[in-house]
């Protein structure tokens, strides 16, 4: 039996998070589920002190992805959530 991760778990802020996950998946040759797991595991190792989107940027950077276009969007999201 097959299922989609999106049917089981809703990604945080599907817009930017999904876009980053998609880019990592393409670059790494991995499924969205694998990338989501990588990001979630790293986030847990950071004691969930860092948002999913920021950890996704870290993972993207590790795969050599230019994250500069995502930084202002993630920054805006973070500052708007804490306000």
PDB file of N, CA and C in Angstrom:
ATOM      1  N   UNK A   1       0.845  -1.189   0.000  1.00  0.00           N
ATOM      2  CA  UNK A   1       0.000   0.000   0.000  1.00  0.00           C
ATOM      3  C   UNK A   1       0.881   1.240   0.000  1.00  0.00           C
ATOM      4  N   UNK A   2       0.558   2.188  -0.828  1.00  0.00           N
ATOM      5  CA  UNK A   2       1.339   3.409  -0.966  1.00  0.00           C
ATOM      6  C   UNK A   2       0.532   4.599  -0.454  1.00  0.00           C
ATOM      7  N   UNK A   3       1.239   5.584   0.068  1.00  0.00           N
ATOM      8  CA  UNK A   3       0.574   6.794   0.530  1.00  0.00           C
ATOM      9  C   UNK A   3       1.485   7.987   0.306  1.00  0.00           C
ATOM     10  N   UNK A   4       0.893   9.150   0.292  1.00  0.00           N
ATOM     11  CA  UNK A   4       1.644  10.394   0.181  1.00  0.00           C
ATOM     12  C   UNK A   4       1.862  10.968   1.562  1.00  0.00           C
ATOM     13  N   UNK A   5       3.033  11.488   1.791  1.00  0.00           N
ATOM     14  CA  UNK A   5       3.336  12.121   3.066  1.00  0.00           C
ATOM     15  C   UNK A   5       2.336  13.242   3.349  1.00  0.00           C
ATOM     16  N   UNK A   6       1.977  13.984   2.302  1.00  0.00           N
ATOM     17  CA  UNK A   6       1.073  15.113   2.465  1.00  0.00           C
ATOM     18  C   UNK A   6      -0.300  14.676   2.964  1.00  0.00           C
ATOM     19  N   UNK A   7      -0.677  13.394   2.707  1.00  0.00           N
ATOM     20  CA  UNK A   7      -1.952  12.885   3.193  1.00  0.00           C
ATOM     21  C   UNK A   7      -1.902  12.615   4.689  1.00  0.00           C
ATOM     22  N   UNK A   8      -0.711  12.390   5.221  1.00  0.00           N
ATOM     23  CA  UNK A   8      -0.544  12.018   6.618  1.00  0.00           C
ATOM     24  C   UNK A   8      -0.085  13.198   7.463  1.00  0.00           C
ATOM     25  N   UNK A   9       0.891  13.954   6.963  1.00  0.00           N
ATOM     26  CA  UNK A   9       1.491  15.057   7.713  1.00  0.00           C
ATOM     27  C   UNK A   9       1.418  16.320   6.872  1.00  0.00           C
ATOM     28  N   UNK A  10       0.920  17.377   7.456  1.00  0.00           N
ATOM     29  CA  UNK A  10       0.887  18.658   6.753  1.00  0.00           C
ATOM     30  C   UNK A  10       2.205  19.370   6.995  1.00  0.00           C
ATOM     31  N   UNK A  11       2.872  19.739   5.917  1.00  0.00           N
ATOM     32  CA  UNK A  11       4.124  20.483   6.052  1.00  0.00           C
ATOM     33  C   UNK A  11       3.830  21.859   6.629  1.00  0.00           C
ATOM     34  N   UNK A  12       4.730  22.349   7.481  1.00  0.00           N
ATOM     35  CA  UNK A  12       4.554  23.712   7.981  1.00  0.00           C
ATOM     36  C   UNK A  12       4.613  24.694   6.820  1.00  0.00           C
ATOM     37  N   UNK A  13       3.740  25.650   6.827  1.00  0.00           N
ATOM     38  CA  UNK A  13       3.712  26.679   5.784  1.00  0.00           C
ATOM     39  C   UNK A  13       3.992  26.075   4.407  1.00  0.00           C
ATOM     40  N   UNK A  14       3.032  25.345   3.899  1.00  0.00           N
ATOM     41  CA  UNK A  14       3.212  24.577   2.658  1.00  0.00           C
ATOM     42  C   UNK A  14       3.864  25.398   1.557  1.00  0.00           C
ATOM     43  N   UNK A  15       3.631  26.669   1.487  1.00  0.00           N
ATOM     44  CA  UNK A  15       4.204  27.466   0.425  1.00  0.00           C
ATOM     45  C   UNK A  15       5.720  27.380   0.368  1.00  0.00           C
ATOM     46  N   UNK A  16       6.389  28.033   1.270  1.00  0.00           N
ATOM     47  CA  UNK A  16       7.848  28.105   1.233  1.00  0.00           C
ATOM     48  C   UNK A  16       8.482  26.778   1.628  1.00  0.00           C
ATOM     49  N   UNK A  17       7.922  26.098   2.618  1.00  0.00           N
ATOM     50  CA  UNK A  17       8.488  24.818   3.044  1.00  0.00           C
ATOM     51  C   UNK A  17       8.441  23.809   1.904  1.00  0.00           C
ATOM     52  N   UNK A  18       7.307  23.727   1.235  1.00  0.00           N
ATOM     53  CA  UNK A  18       7.163  22.772   0.129  1.00  0.00           C
ATOM     54  C   UNK A  18       8.125  23.125  -1.010  1.00  0.00           C
ATOM     55  N   UNK A  19       8.286  24.396  -1.276  1.00  0.00           N
ATOM     56  CA  UNK A  19       9.193  24.822  -2.345  1.00  0.00           C
ATOM     57  C   UNK A  19      10.637  24.418  -2.041  1.00  0.00           C
ATOM     58  N   UNK A  20      11.053  24.610  -0.805  1.00  0.00           N
ATOM     59  CA  UNK A  20      12.417  24.236  -0.410  1.00  0.00           C
ATOM     60  C   UNK A  20      12.584  22.723  -0.456  1.00  0.00           C
ATOM     61  N   UNK A  21      11.602  21.986   0.084  1.00  0.00           N
ATOM     62  CA  UNK A  21      11.654  20.523   0.063  1.00  0.00           C
ATOM     63  C   UNK A  21      11.741  20.030  -1.379  1.00  0.00           C
ATOM     64  N   UNK A  22      10.945  20.607  -2.248  1.00  0.00           N
ATOM     65  CA  UNK A  22      10.943  20.214  -3.665  1.00  0.00           C
ATOM     66  C   UNK A  22      12.323  20.425  -4.297  1.00  0.00           C
ATOM     67  N   UNK A  23      12.920  21.567  -4.035  1.00  0.00           N
ATOM     68  CA  UNK A  23      14.231  21.848  -4.617  1.00  0.00           C
ATOM     69  C   UNK A  23      15.291  20.887  -4.078  1.00  0.00           C
ATOM     70  N   UNK A  24      15.246  20.596  -2.786  1.00  0.00           N
ATOM     71  CA  UNK A  24      16.197  19.640  -2.208  1.00  0.00           C
ATOM     72  C   UNK A  24      15.987  18.259  -2.840  1.00  0.00           C
ATOM     73  N   UNK A  25      14.731  17.843  -2.959  1.00  0.00           N
ATOM     74  CA  UNK A  25      14.423  16.527  -3.524  1.00  0.00           C
ATOM     75  C   UNK A  25      14.982  16.394  -4.937  1.00  0.00           C
ATOM     76  N   UNK A  26      14.799  17.419  -5.728  1.00  0.00           N
ATOM     77  CA  UNK A  26      15.326  17.392  -7.109  1.00  0.00           C
ATOM     78  C   UNK A  26      16.843  17.298  -7.110  1.00  0.00           C
ATOM     79  N   UNK A  27      17.501  18.121  -6.305  1.00  0.00           N
ATOM     80  CA  UNK A  27      18.956  18.165  -6.277  1.00  0.00           C
ATOM     81  C   UNK A  27      19.541  16.868  -5.720  1.00  0.00           C
ATOM     82  N   UNK A  28      18.899  16.333  -4.674  1.00  0.00           N
ATOM     83  CA  UNK A  28      19.429  15.157  -3.989  1.00  0.00           C
ATOM     84  C   UNK A  28      18.973  13.840  -4.611  1.00  0.00           C
ATOM     85  N   UNK A  29      17.994  13.915  -5.525  1.00  0.00           N
ATOM     86  CA  UNK A  29      17.462  12.697  -6.116  1.00  0.00           C
ATOM     87  C   UNK A  29      16.714  11.856  -5.092  1.00  0.00           C
ATOM     88  N   UNK A  30      16.012  12.536  -4.191  1.00  0.00           N
ATOM     89  CA  UNK A  30      15.275  11.859  -3.118  1.00  0.00           C
ATOM     90  C   UNK A  30      13.794  12.219  -3.222  1.00  0.00           C
ATOM     91  N   UNK A  31      12.966  11.425  -2.564  1.00  0.00           N
ATOM     92  CA  UNK A  31      11.532  11.721  -2.532  1.00  0.00           C
ATOM     93  C   UNK A  31      11.266  12.848  -1.538  1.00  0.00           C
ATOM     94  N   UNK A  32      10.079  13.435  -1.663  1.00  0.00           N
ATOM     95  CA  UNK A  32       9.687  14.468  -0.707  1.00  0.00           C
ATOM     96  C   UNK A  32       9.678  13.907   0.709  1.00  0.00           C
ATOM     97  N   UNK A  33       9.226  12.665   0.855  1.00  0.00           N
ATOM     98  CA  UNK A  33       9.172  12.036   2.168  1.00  0.00           C
ATOM     99  C   UNK A  33      10.564  11.907   2.776  1.00  0.00           C
ATOM    100  N   UNK A  34      11.545  11.509   1.956  1.00  0.00           N
ATOM    101  CA  UNK A  34      12.920  11.377   2.455  1.00  0.00           C
ATOM    102  C   UNK A  34      13.472  12.719   2.899  1.00  0.00           C
ATOM    103  N   UNK A  35      13.217  13.746   2.112  1.00  0.00           N
ATOM    104  CA  UNK A  35      13.712  15.088   2.440  1.00  0.00           C
ATOM    105  C   UNK A  35      13.028  15.601   3.704  1.00  0.00           C
ATOM    106  N   UNK A  36      11.720  15.422   3.791  1.00  0.00           N
ATOM    107  CA  UNK A  36      10.988  15.839   4.980  1.00  0.00           C
ATOM    108  C   UNK A  36      11.575  15.160   6.220  1.00  0.00           C
ATOM    109  N   UNK A  37      11.867  13.869   6.104  1.00  0.00           N
ATOM    110  CA  UNK A  37      12.448  13.124   7.226  1.00  0.00           C
ATOM    111  C   UNK A  37      13.815  13.669   7.604  1.00  0.00           C
ATOM    112  N   UNK A  38      14.652  13.973   6.598  1.00  0.00           N
ATOM    113  CA  UNK A  38      15.977  14.534   6.862  1.00  0.00           C
ATOM    114  C   UNK A  38      15.862  15.838   7.647  1.00  0.00           C
ATOM    115  N   UNK A  39      14.949  16.694   7.197  1.00  0.00           N
ATOM    116  CA  UNK A  39      14.772  17.994   7.838  1.00  0.00           C
ATOM    117  C   UNK A  39      14.232  17.813   9.254  1.00  0.00           C
ATOM    118  N   UNK A  40      13.234  16.950   9.399  1.00  0.00           N
ATOM    119  CA  UNK A  40      12.633  16.715  10.713  1.00  0.00           C
ATOM    120  C   UNK A  40      13.641  16.144  11.699  1.00  0.00           C
ATOM    121  N   UNK A  41      14.473  15.206  11.232  1.00  0.00           N
ATOM    122  CA  UNK A  41      15.492  14.616  12.105  1.00  0.00           C
ATOM    123  C   UNK A  41      16.504  15.661  12.557  1.00  0.00           C
ATOM    124  N   UNK A  42      16.923  16.526  11.630  1.00  0.00           N
ATOM    125  CA  UNK A  42      17.867  17.579  12.000  1.00  0.00           C
ATOM    126  C   UNK A  42      17.211  18.546  12.985  1.00  0.00           C
ATOM    127  N   UNK A  43      15.951  18.858  12.752  1.00  0.00           N
ATOM    128  CA  UNK A  43      15.229  19.760  13.642  1.00  0.00           C
ATOM    129  C   UNK A  43      15.144  19.158  15.044  1.00  0.00           C
ATOM    130  N   UNK A  44      14.904  17.864  15.138  1.00  0.00           N
ATOM    131  CA  UNK A  44      14.865  17.192  16.443  1.00  0.00           C
ATOM    132  C   UNK A  44      16.226  17.229  17.131  1.00  0.00           C
ATOM    133  N   UNK A  45      17.306  17.034  16.346  1.00  0.00           N
ATOM    134  CA  UNK A  45      18.651  17.111  16.927  1.00  0.00           C
ATOM    135  C   UNK A  45      18.942  18.503  17.476  1.00  0.00           C
ATOM    136  N   UNK A  46      18.241  19.498  16.954  1.00  0.00           N
ATOM    137  CA  UNK A  46      18.388  20.875  17.429  1.00  0.00           C
ATOM    138  C   UNK A  46      17.357  21.184  18.512  1.00  0.00           C
ATOM    139  N   UNK A  47      16.780  20.115  19.082  1.00  0.00           N
ATOM    140  CA  UNK A  47      15.785  20.238  20.148  1.00  0.00           C
ATOM    141  C   UNK A  47      14.587  21.103  19.739  1.00  0.00           C
ATOM    142  N   UNK A  48      14.263  21.094  18.459  1.00  0.00           N
ATOM    143  CA  UNK A  48      13.123  21.846  17.919  1.00  0.00           C
ATOM    144  C   UNK A  48      13.192  23.340  18.247  1.00  0.00           C
ATOM    145  N   UNK A  49      14.408  23.837  18.431  1.00  0.00           N
ATOM    146  CA  UNK A  49      14.588  25.261  18.712  1.00  0.00           C
ATOM    147  C   UNK A  49      14.607  26.107  17.439  1.00  0.00           C
ATOM    148  N   UNK A  50      14.722  25.431  16.297  1.00  0.00           N
ATOM    149  CA  UNK A  50      14.818  26.121  15.014  1.00  0.00           C
ATOM    150  C   UNK A  50      13.623  25.699  14.169  1.00  0.00           C
ATOM    151  N   UNK A  51      13.019  26.645  13.475  1.00  0.00           N
ATOM    152  CA  UNK A  51      11.830  26.347  12.676  1.00  0.00           C
ATOM    153  C   UNK A  51      12.150  25.379  11.539  1.00  0.00           C
ATOM    154  N   UNK A  52      11.120  24.683  11.086  1.00  0.00           N
ATOM    155  CA  UNK A  52      11.248  23.743   9.972  1.00  0.00           C
ATOM    156  C   UNK A  52      11.870  24.439   8.759  1.00  0.00           C
ATOM    157  N   UNK A  53      11.406  25.640   8.459  1.00  0.00           N
ATOM    158  CA  UNK A  53      11.887  26.356   7.282  1.00  0.00           C
ATOM    159  C   UNK A  53      13.380  26.687   7.380  1.00  0.00           C
ATOM    160  N   UNK A  54      13.836  27.088   8.553  1.00  0.00           N
ATOM    161  CA  UNK A  54      15.253  27.411   8.727  1.00  0.00           C
ATOM    162  C   UNK A  54      16.098  26.150   8.589  1.00  0.00           C
ATOM    163  N   UNK A  55      15.639  25.055   9.188  1.00  0.00           N
ATOM    164  CA  UNK A  55      16.368  23.791   9.052  1.00  0.00           C
ATOM    165  C   UNK A  55      16.370  23.346   7.595  1.00  0.00           C
ATOM    166  N   UNK A  56      15.264  23.546   6.898  1.00  0.00           N
ATOM    167  CA  UNK A  56      15.208  23.207   5.472  1.00  0.00           C
ATOM    168  C   UNK A  56      16.255  23.999   4.694  1.00  0.00           C
ATOM    169  N   UNK A  57      16.454  25.259   5.058  1.00  0.00           N
ATOM    170  CA  UNK A  57      17.489  26.066   4.394  1.00  0.00           C
ATOM    171  C   UNK A  57      18.879  25.505   4.668  1.00  0.00           C
ATOM    172  N   UNK A  58      19.108  25.037   5.881  1.00  0.00           N
ATOM    173  CA  UNK A  58      20.404  24.446   6.230  1.00  0.00           C
ATOM    174  C   UNK A  58      20.644  23.197   5.388  1.00  0.00           C
ATOM    175  N   UNK A  59      19.635  22.338   5.295  1.00  0.00           N
ATOM    176  CA  UNK A  59      19.756  21.114   4.495  1.00  0.00           C
ATOM    177  C   UNK A  59      19.968  21.469   3.026  1.00  0.00           C
ATOM    178  N   UNK A  60      19.233  22.455   2.542  1.00  0.00           N
ATOM    179  CA  UNK A  60      19.391  22.883   1.147  1.00  0.00           C
ATOM    180  C   UNK A  60      20.822  23.352   0.892  1.00  0.00           C
ATOM    181  N   UNK A  61      21.338  24.128   1.799  1.00  0.00           N
ATOM    182  CA  UNK A  61      22.717  24.634   1.672  1.00  0.00           C
ATOM    183  C   UNK A  61      23.709  23.478   1.647  1.00  0.00           C
ATOM    184  N   UNK A  62      23.458  22.444   2.462  1.00  0.00           N
ATOM    185  CA  UNK A  62      24.332  21.271   2.473  1.00  0.00           C
ATOM    186  C   UNK A  62      24.360  20.571   1.123  1.00  0.00           C
ATOM    187  N   UNK A  63      23.280  20.689   0.355  1.00  0.00           N
ATOM    188  CA  UNK A  63      23.222  20.091  -0.975  1.00  0.00           C
ATOM    189  C   UNK A  63      23.668  21.062  -2.061  1.00  0.00           C
ATOM    190  N   UNK A  64      24.221  22.206  -1.658  1.00  0.00           N
ATOM    191  CA  UNK A  64      24.767  23.152  -2.622  1.00  0.00           C
ATOM    192  C   UNK A  64      23.737  24.013  -3.320  1.00  0.00           C
ATOM    193  N   UNK A  65      22.570  24.113  -2.742  1.00  0.00           N
ATOM    194  CA  UNK A  65      21.500  24.922  -3.333  1.00  0.00           C
ATOM    195  C   UNK A  65      21.682  26.375  -2.907  1.00  0.00           C
ATOM    196  N   UNK A  66      21.521  27.284  -3.852  1.00  0.00           N
ATOM    197  CA  UNK A  66      21.577  28.713  -3.554  1.00  0.00           C
ATOM    198  C   UNK A  66      20.287  29.085  -2.816  1.00  0.00           C
ATOM    199  N   UNK A  67      20.398  29.408  -1.548  1.00  0.00           N
ATOM    200  CA  UNK A  67      19.218  29.673  -0.721  1.00  0.00           C
ATOM    201  C   UNK A  67      18.886  31.162  -0.620  1.00  0.00           C
ATOM    202  N   UNK A  68      19.633  32.002  -1.309  1.00  0.00           N
ATOM    203  CA  UNK A  68      19.465  33.450  -1.157  1.00  0.00           C
ATOM    204  C   UNK A  68      18.049  33.927  -1.479  1.00  0.00           C
ATOM    205  N   UNK A  69      17.365  33.281  -2.418  1.00  0.00           N
ATOM    206  CA  UNK A  69      16.002  33.713  -2.760  1.00  0.00           C
ATOM    207  C   UNK A  69      15.000  33.359  -1.670  1.00  0.00           C
ATOM    208  N   UNK A  70      15.325  32.381  -0.834  1.00  0.00           N
ATOM    209  CA  UNK A  70      14.410  31.951   0.223  1.00  0.00           C
ATOM    210  C   UNK A  70      14.585  32.721   1.529  1.00  0.00           C
ATOM    211  N   UNK A  71      15.765  33.248   1.757  1.00  0.00           N
ATOM    212  CA  UNK A  71      16.075  33.890   3.038  1.00  0.00           C
ATOM    213  C   UNK A  71      15.098  35.015   3.386  1.00  0.00           C
ATOM    214  N   UNK A  72      14.819  35.953   2.481  1.00  0.00           N
ATOM    215  CA  UNK A  72      13.880  37.027   2.860  1.00  0.00           C
ATOM    216  C   UNK A  72      12.476  36.512   3.176  1.00  0.00           C
ATOM    217  N   UNK A  73      12.035  35.469   2.478  1.00  0.00           N
ATOM    218  CA  UNK A  73      10.701  34.918   2.707  1.00  0.00           C
ATOM    219  C   UNK A  73      10.638  34.243   4.068  1.00  0.00           C
ATOM    220  N   UNK A  74      11.652  33.437   4.382  1.00  0.00           N
ATOM    221  CA  UNK A  74      11.693  32.746   5.674  1.00  0.00           C
ATOM    222  C   UNK A  74      11.868  33.764   6.800  1.00  0.00           C
ATOM    223  N   UNK A  75      12.712  34.743   6.582  1.00  0.00           N
ATOM    224  CA  UNK A  75      12.917  35.785   7.587  1.00  0.00           C
ATOM    225  C   UNK A  75      11.608  36.512   7.885  1.00  0.00           C
ATOM    226  N   UNK A  76      10.883  36.874   6.856  1.00  0.00           N
ATOM    227  CA  UNK A  76       9.588  37.552   7.022  1.00  0.00           C
ATOM    228  C   UNK A  76       8.622  36.669   7.814  1.00  0.00           C
ATOM    229  N   UNK A  77       8.576  35.406   7.493  1.00  0.00           N
ATOM    230  CA  UNK A  77       7.687  34.471   8.186  1.00  0.00           C
ATOM    231  C   UNK A  77       8.044  34.380   9.669  1.00  0.00           C
ATOM    232  N   UNK A  78       9.326  34.264   9.961  1.00  0.00           N
ATOM    233  CA  UNK A  78       9.770  34.125  11.350  1.00  0.00           C
ATOM    234  C   UNK A  78       9.440  35.381  12.148  1.00  0.00           C
ATOM    235  N   UNK A  79       9.738  36.551  11.597  1.00  0.00           N
ATOM    236  CA  UNK A  79       9.488  37.785  12.342  1.00  0.00           C
ATOM    237  C   UNK A  79       8.009  38.062  12.477  1.00  0.00           C
ATOM    238  N   UNK A  80       7.194  37.653  11.525  1.00  0.00           N
ATOM    239  CA  UNK A  80       5.753  37.848  11.637  1.00  0.00           C
ATOM    240  C   UNK A  80       5.131  36.910  12.652  1.00  0.00           C
ATOM    241  N   UNK A  81       5.694  35.707  12.829  1.00  0.00           N
ATOM    242  CA  UNK A  81       5.162  34.758  13.801  1.00  0.00           C
ATOM    243  C   UNK A  81       5.453  35.190  15.228  1.00  0.00           C
ATOM    244  N   UNK A  82       6.583  35.860  15.442  1.00  0.00           N
ATOM    245  CA  UNK A  82       6.964  36.231  16.808  1.00  0.00           C
ATOM    246  C   UNK A  82       6.373  37.569  17.217  1.00  0.00           C
ATOM    247  N   UNK A  83       5.836  38.298  16.264  1.00  0.00           N
ATOM    248  CA  UNK A  83       5.295  39.617  16.584  1.00  0.00           C
ATOM    249  C   UNK A  83       3.938  39.534  17.260  1.00  0.00           C
TER     250      UNK A  83
END
